[in-house]
Amino acid sequence: MQVTFDLPDEVVNQLQPFADKLPQILELGLRELNAIAESGFSGMAEVVEFLASLPTAEAIIALRPSESLQAQINTLVEKNRTIGLTVTEEQQWLGYQYLEHIVRMAKARAFKKIKKADAE
């Protein structure tokens, strides 16, 4: 399928080095757009954006879920305990578990980095 876009020059300049990856970029962008539209994934984007900003080790250690992310997690936990999750909710839950794993790894490395700095 062929699609034609009218894009601002600034966007075209940013995309030019990635011309061979445009289908992947569009797919990832659509996924992100859908994730933002679904309130269940909005908190995940916050965490990923935070980690992508290359925060200090101390900031990583201090990272906690936002109130909205924690509320989404609590809702899924309660629903799973009582009536069970839909397939979509199960996917959200798996996503949250994976995100938690990533955050734990980042915190472990941050602790290691601080410990090493203190020893020097």
N, C-alpha and C. Protein backbone atom coordinates (compact mmCIF):
# COMPACT_ATOMS: atom_id res chain seq x y z
N MET A 1 0.85 -1.18 0.00
CA MET A 1 0.00 0.00 0.00
C MET A 1 0.89 1.24 0.00
N GLN A 2 0.50 2.21 -0.74
CA GLN A 2 1.25 3.45 -0.81
C GLN A 2 0.40 4.56 -0.21
N VAL A 3 1.03 5.38 0.65
CA VAL A 3 0.36 6.49 1.31
C VAL A 3 1.20 7.75 1.10
N THR A 4 0.54 8.86 0.87
CA THR A 4 1.23 10.13 0.67
C THR A 4 0.85 11.08 1.80
N PHE A 5 1.87 11.76 2.34
CA PHE A 5 1.67 12.69 3.44
C PHE A 5 2.19 14.07 3.06
N ASP A 6 1.55 15.09 3.58
CA ASP A 6 2.10 16.45 3.56
C ASP A 6 2.60 16.71 4.97
N LEU A 7 3.92 16.84 5.11
CA LEU A 7 4.53 17.02 6.42
C LEU A 7 5.30 18.33 6.47
N PRO A 8 5.38 18.94 7.64
CA PRO A 8 6.20 20.15 7.79
C PRO A 8 7.68 19.82 7.49
N ASP A 9 8.41 20.79 6.98
CA ASP A 9 9.82 20.59 6.64
C ASP A 9 10.62 20.06 7.82
N GLU A 10 10.33 20.55 9.00
CA GLU A 10 11.05 20.11 10.21
C GLU A 10 10.90 18.60 10.42
N VAL A 11 9.70 18.10 10.24
CA VAL A 11 9.44 16.67 10.41
C VAL A 11 10.15 15.88 9.31
N VAL A 12 10.10 16.38 8.09
CA VAL A 12 10.76 15.70 6.98
C VAL A 12 12.26 15.60 7.26
N ASN A 13 12.86 16.67 7.75
CA ASN A 13 14.29 16.67 8.07
C ASN A 13 14.61 15.65 9.15
N GLN A 14 13.74 15.52 10.12
CA GLN A 14 13.96 14.55 11.20
C GLN A 14 13.82 13.12 10.70
N LEU A 15 12.93 12.91 9.76
CA LEU A 15 12.67 11.56 9.26
C LEU A 15 13.67 11.10 8.20
N GLN A 16 14.31 12.03 7.52
CA GLN A 16 15.18 11.67 6.40
C GLN A 16 16.22 10.60 6.74
N PRO A 17 16.93 10.68 7.87
CA PRO A 17 17.92 9.63 8.18
C PRO A 17 17.28 8.25 8.42
N PHE A 18 15.98 8.23 8.64
CA PHE A 18 15.27 6.98 8.96
C PHE A 18 14.33 6.55 7.83
N ALA A 19 14.58 7.01 6.63
CA ALA A 19 13.68 6.75 5.51
C ALA A 19 13.40 5.26 5.33
N ASP A 20 14.40 4.42 5.54
CA ASP A 20 14.20 2.98 5.36
C ASP A 20 13.42 2.34 6.50
N LYS A 21 13.21 3.10 7.57
CA LYS A 21 12.50 2.56 8.74
C LYS A 21 11.14 3.20 8.96
N LEU A 22 10.64 3.92 7.97
CA LEU A 22 9.36 4.62 8.13
C LEU A 22 8.20 3.69 8.50
N PRO A 23 8.06 2.50 7.89
CA PRO A 23 6.96 1.63 8.32
C PRO A 23 7.05 1.27 9.81
N GLN A 24 8.25 1.00 10.30
CA GLN A 24 8.43 0.66 11.71
C GLN A 24 8.12 1.87 12.59
N ILE A 25 8.57 3.04 12.17
CA ILE A 25 8.31 4.26 12.94
C ILE A 25 6.81 4.52 13.04
N LEU A 26 6.11 4.36 11.93
CA LEU A 26 4.66 4.56 11.94
C LEU A 26 3.97 3.54 12.84
N GLU A 27 4.41 2.30 12.75
CA GLU A 27 3.82 1.26 13.60
C GLU A 27 4.03 1.56 15.08
N LEU A 28 5.26 1.92 15.44
CA LEU A 28 5.54 2.26 16.84
C LEU A 28 4.77 3.50 17.28
N GLY A 29 4.69 4.47 16.38
CA GLY A 29 3.93 5.69 16.71
C GLY A 29 2.46 5.40 16.93
N LEU A 30 1.89 4.55 16.09
CA LEU A 30 0.49 4.17 16.27
C LEU A 30 0.29 3.42 17.57
N ARG A 31 1.24 2.53 17.88
CA ARG A 31 1.16 1.80 19.14
C ARG A 31 1.18 2.75 20.32
N GLU A 32 2.08 3.73 20.28
CA GLU A 32 2.18 4.72 21.36
C GLU A 32 0.91 5.55 21.44
N LEU A 33 0.40 5.96 20.29
CA LEU A 33 -0.84 6.74 20.26
C LEU A 33 -1.99 5.96 20.87
N ASN A 34 -2.10 4.69 20.51
CA ASN A 34 -3.14 3.84 21.09
C ASN A 34 -2.93 3.64 22.58
N ALA A 35 -1.68 3.51 22.98
CA ALA A 35 -1.38 3.33 24.40
C ALA A 35 -1.78 4.55 25.20
N ILE A 36 -1.53 5.72 24.66
CA ILE A 36 -1.91 6.95 25.35
C ILE A 36 -3.43 7.05 25.41
N ALA A 37 -4.10 6.65 24.34
CA ALA A 37 -5.56 6.72 24.30
C ALA A 37 -6.19 5.79 25.32
N GLU A 38 -5.54 4.66 25.58
CA GLU A 38 -6.05 3.73 26.58
C GLU A 38 -5.47 4.13 27.92
N SER A 39 -6.31 4.52 28.83
CA SER A 39 -5.81 5.00 30.11
C SER A 39 -4.96 3.96 30.81
N GLY A 40 -5.13 2.71 30.48
CA GLY A 40 -4.36 1.66 31.11
C GLY A 40 -2.88 1.73 30.85
N PHE A 41 -2.46 2.38 29.77
CA PHE A 41 -1.04 2.42 29.46
C PHE A 41 -0.42 3.79 29.66
N SER A 42 -1.18 4.77 30.06
CA SER A 42 -0.62 6.11 30.18
C SER A 42 0.49 6.18 31.21
N GLY A 43 0.37 5.47 32.28
CA GLY A 43 1.41 5.48 33.31
C GLY A 43 2.70 4.84 32.84
N MET A 44 2.58 3.85 31.97
CA MET A 44 3.77 3.19 31.45
C MET A 44 4.61 4.17 30.63
N ALA A 45 3.96 4.99 29.84
CA ALA A 45 4.68 5.96 29.02
C ALA A 45 5.44 6.93 29.92
N GLU A 46 4.84 7.32 31.04
CA GLU A 46 5.51 8.23 31.98
C GLU A 46 6.82 7.63 32.47
N VAL A 47 6.79 6.37 32.85
CA VAL A 47 7.98 5.71 33.38
C VAL A 47 9.04 5.57 32.30
N VAL A 48 8.64 5.15 31.12
CA VAL A 48 9.59 4.98 30.02
C VAL A 48 10.22 6.33 29.66
N GLU A 49 9.42 7.38 29.59
CA GLU A 49 9.96 8.71 29.30
C GLU A 49 10.93 9.16 30.38
N PHE A 50 10.61 8.87 31.65
CA PHE A 50 11.51 9.21 32.75
C PHE A 50 12.85 8.50 32.58
N LEU A 51 12.82 7.20 32.35
CA LEU A 51 14.07 6.44 32.20
C LEU A 51 14.84 6.89 30.96
N ALA A 52 14.14 7.24 29.91
CA ALA A 52 14.80 7.69 28.68
C ALA A 52 15.49 9.04 28.86
N SER A 53 15.10 9.78 29.88
CA SER A 53 15.72 11.09 30.14
C SER A 53 17.09 10.95 30.81
N LEU A 54 17.53 9.71 31.05
CA LEU A 54 18.82 9.41 31.69
C LEU A 54 18.95 10.12 33.04
N PRO A 55 18.04 9.81 33.95
CA PRO A 55 18.06 10.46 35.27
C PRO A 55 19.26 10.01 36.09
N THR A 56 19.53 10.71 37.16
CA THR A 56 20.61 10.34 38.07
C THR A 56 20.25 9.04 38.79
N ALA A 57 21.25 8.40 39.36
CA ALA A 57 21.01 7.18 40.12
C ALA A 57 20.05 7.45 41.28
N GLU A 58 20.22 8.59 41.92
CA GLU A 58 19.34 8.94 43.05
C GLU A 58 17.89 9.12 42.59
N ALA A 59 17.70 9.71 41.43
CA ALA A 59 16.35 9.91 40.91
C ALA A 59 15.70 8.57 40.55
N ILE A 60 16.50 7.66 40.03
CA ILE A 60 15.97 6.32 39.70
C ILE A 60 15.52 5.61 40.97
N ILE A 61 16.34 5.68 42.00
CA ILE A 61 16.01 5.02 43.26
C ILE A 61 14.75 5.63 43.87
N ALA A 62 14.56 6.93 43.70
CA ALA A 62 13.39 7.60 44.26
C ALA A 62 12.12 7.40 43.42
N LEU A 63 12.25 6.79 42.25
CA LEU A 63 11.10 6.61 41.35
C LEU A 63 10.00 5.79 42.00
N ARG A 64 8.81 6.31 41.95
CA ARG A 64 7.62 5.62 42.45
C ARG A 64 6.53 5.81 41.40
N PRO A 65 5.56 4.90 41.35
CA PRO A 65 4.46 5.07 40.37
C PRO A 65 3.66 6.32 40.68
N SER A 66 3.21 6.98 39.62
CA SER A 66 2.33 8.13 39.81
C SER A 66 1.03 7.63 40.43
N GLU A 67 0.25 8.56 40.96
CA GLU A 67 -1.03 8.16 41.56
C GLU A 67 -1.93 7.49 40.54
N SER A 68 -1.93 8.01 39.31
CA SER A 68 -2.81 7.42 38.30
C SER A 68 -2.34 6.02 37.91
N LEU A 69 -1.02 5.81 37.79
CA LEU A 69 -0.51 4.48 37.46
C LEU A 69 -0.81 3.51 38.59
N GLN A 70 -0.58 3.94 39.83
CA GLN A 70 -0.86 3.07 40.96
C GLN A 70 -2.34 2.72 41.04
N ALA A 71 -3.20 3.68 40.72
CA ALA A 71 -4.65 3.41 40.72
C ALA A 71 -5.01 2.38 39.66
N GLN A 72 -4.39 2.49 38.48
CA GLN A 72 -4.66 1.52 37.41
C GLN A 72 -4.21 0.12 37.83
N ILE A 73 -3.05 0.03 38.45
CA ILE A 73 -2.54 -1.26 38.92
C ILE A 73 -3.46 -1.82 40.00
N ASN A 74 -3.84 -0.98 40.95
CA ASN A 74 -4.72 -1.44 42.02
C ASN A 74 -6.06 -1.95 41.47
N THR A 75 -6.58 -1.26 40.48
CA THR A 75 -7.84 -1.68 39.86
C THR A 75 -7.71 -3.07 39.25
N LEU A 76 -6.61 -3.28 38.51
CA LEU A 76 -6.39 -4.60 37.89
C LEU A 76 -6.20 -5.68 38.94
N VAL A 77 -5.45 -5.39 39.99
CA VAL A 77 -5.24 -6.38 41.05
C VAL A 77 -6.57 -6.76 41.69
N GLU A 78 -7.38 -5.78 42.00
CA GLU A 78 -8.67 -6.04 42.64
C GLU A 78 -9.59 -6.81 41.70
N LYS A 79 -9.63 -6.40 40.45
CA LYS A 79 -10.49 -7.07 39.49
C LYS A 79 -10.04 -8.52 39.28
N ASN A 80 -8.73 -8.73 39.24
CA ASN A 80 -8.21 -10.08 39.08
C ASN A 80 -8.58 -10.95 40.29
N ARG A 81 -8.56 -10.34 41.46
CA ARG A 81 -8.88 -11.06 42.69
C ARG A 81 -10.36 -11.42 42.77
N THR A 82 -11.21 -10.58 42.22
CA THR A 82 -12.65 -10.78 42.37
C THR A 82 -13.31 -11.47 41.18
N ILE A 83 -13.29 -10.81 40.02
CA ILE A 83 -14.04 -11.36 38.88
C ILE A 83 -13.15 -11.85 37.74
N GLY A 84 -11.87 -11.53 37.79
CA GLY A 84 -10.96 -11.94 36.73
C GLY A 84 -10.78 -10.86 35.69
N LEU A 85 -9.74 -10.99 34.91
CA LEU A 85 -9.37 -9.99 33.91
C LEU A 85 -9.79 -10.41 32.51
N THR A 86 -10.10 -9.43 31.70
CA THR A 86 -10.35 -9.69 30.28
C THR A 86 -8.99 -9.95 29.61
N VAL A 87 -9.02 -10.37 28.38
CA VAL A 87 -7.77 -10.60 27.65
C VAL A 87 -6.96 -9.31 27.56
N THR A 88 -7.62 -8.21 27.27
CA THR A 88 -6.95 -6.91 27.18
C THR A 88 -6.35 -6.51 28.52
N GLU A 89 -7.10 -6.71 29.59
CA GLU A 89 -6.59 -6.37 30.92
C GLU A 89 -5.42 -7.28 31.31
N GLU A 90 -5.49 -8.52 30.90
CA GLU A 90 -4.38 -9.45 31.16
C GLU A 90 -3.12 -8.96 30.45
N GLN A 91 -3.27 -8.46 29.24
CA GLN A 91 -2.13 -7.91 28.50
C GLN A 91 -1.58 -6.67 29.22
N GLN A 92 -2.48 -5.83 29.72
CA GLN A 92 -2.04 -4.67 30.49
C GLN A 92 -1.25 -5.12 31.71
N TRP A 93 -1.77 -6.11 32.41
CA TRP A 93 -1.12 -6.61 33.61
C TRP A 93 0.29 -7.14 33.28
N LEU A 94 0.40 -7.88 32.20
CA LEU A 94 1.72 -8.39 31.79
C LEU A 94 2.66 -7.23 31.46
N GLY A 95 2.11 -6.19 30.85
CA GLY A 95 2.92 -5.00 30.56
C GLY A 95 3.41 -4.33 31.82
N TYR A 96 2.53 -4.22 32.82
CA TYR A 96 2.94 -3.63 34.10
C TYR A 96 4.00 -4.48 34.79
N GLN A 97 3.87 -5.80 34.70
CA GLN A 97 4.87 -6.68 35.31
C GLN A 97 6.22 -6.49 34.63
N TYR A 98 6.21 -6.39 33.32
CA TYR A 98 7.46 -6.18 32.58
C TYR A 98 8.07 -4.83 32.94
N LEU A 99 7.23 -3.80 33.01
CA LEU A 99 7.70 -2.47 33.38
C LEU A 99 8.32 -2.49 34.77
N GLU A 100 7.68 -3.19 35.69
CA GLU A 100 8.21 -3.29 37.05
C GLU A 100 9.59 -3.96 37.02
N HIS A 101 9.73 -4.99 36.20
CA HIS A 101 11.02 -5.66 36.08
C HIS A 101 12.09 -4.69 35.58
N ILE A 102 11.77 -3.89 34.59
CA ILE A 102 12.72 -2.92 34.05
C ILE A 102 13.11 -1.91 35.13
N VAL A 103 12.13 -1.42 35.88
CA VAL A 103 12.41 -0.44 36.93
C VAL A 103 13.27 -1.07 38.02
N ARG A 104 12.99 -2.32 38.38
CA ARG A 104 13.82 -2.99 39.39
C ARG A 104 15.26 -3.13 38.92
N MET A 105 15.44 -3.47 37.64
CA MET A 105 16.80 -3.58 37.10
C MET A 105 17.49 -2.21 37.13
N ALA A 106 16.78 -1.16 36.77
CA ALA A 106 17.36 0.18 36.78
C ALA A 106 17.73 0.59 38.21
N LYS A 107 16.87 0.26 39.16
CA LYS A 107 17.17 0.60 40.56
C LYS A 107 18.36 -0.20 41.08
N ALA A 108 18.45 -1.46 40.72
CA ALA A 108 19.59 -2.28 41.16
C ALA A 108 20.89 -1.69 40.62
N ARG A 109 20.89 -1.30 39.36
CA ARG A 109 22.10 -0.70 38.77
C ARG A 109 22.39 0.66 39.41
N ALA A 110 21.36 1.41 39.74
CA ALA A 110 21.56 2.70 40.39
C ALA A 110 22.18 2.52 41.77
N PHE A 111 21.68 1.54 42.54
CA PHE A 111 22.26 1.25 43.85
C PHE A 111 23.73 0.85 43.70
N LYS A 112 24.02 0.02 42.71
CA LYS A 112 25.38 -0.43 42.46
C LYS A 112 26.29 0.76 42.13
N LYS A 113 25.78 1.65 41.31
CA LYS A 113 26.55 2.83 40.90
C LYS A 113 26.85 3.72 42.11
N ILE A 114 25.86 3.91 42.97
CA ILE A 114 26.05 4.74 44.16
C ILE A 114 27.04 4.07 45.10
N LYS A 115 26.89 2.77 45.28
CA LYS A 115 27.80 2.03 46.18
C LYS A 115 29.24 2.13 45.67
N LYS A 116 29.42 2.00 44.37
CA LYS A 116 30.76 2.09 43.78
C LYS A 116 31.33 3.48 43.97
N ALA A 117 30.50 4.50 43.78
CA ALA A 117 30.96 5.90 43.95
C ALA A 117 31.34 6.17 45.41
N ASP A 118 30.59 5.61 46.33
CA ASP A 118 30.89 5.79 47.76
C ASP A 118 32.20 5.09 48.14
N ALA A 119 32.51 3.98 47.49
CA ALA A 119 33.72 3.22 47.81
C ALA A 119 34.98 3.90 47.27
N GLU A 120 34.81 4.75 46.27
CA GLU A 120 35.99 5.40 45.66
C GLU A 120 36.43 6.60 46.40
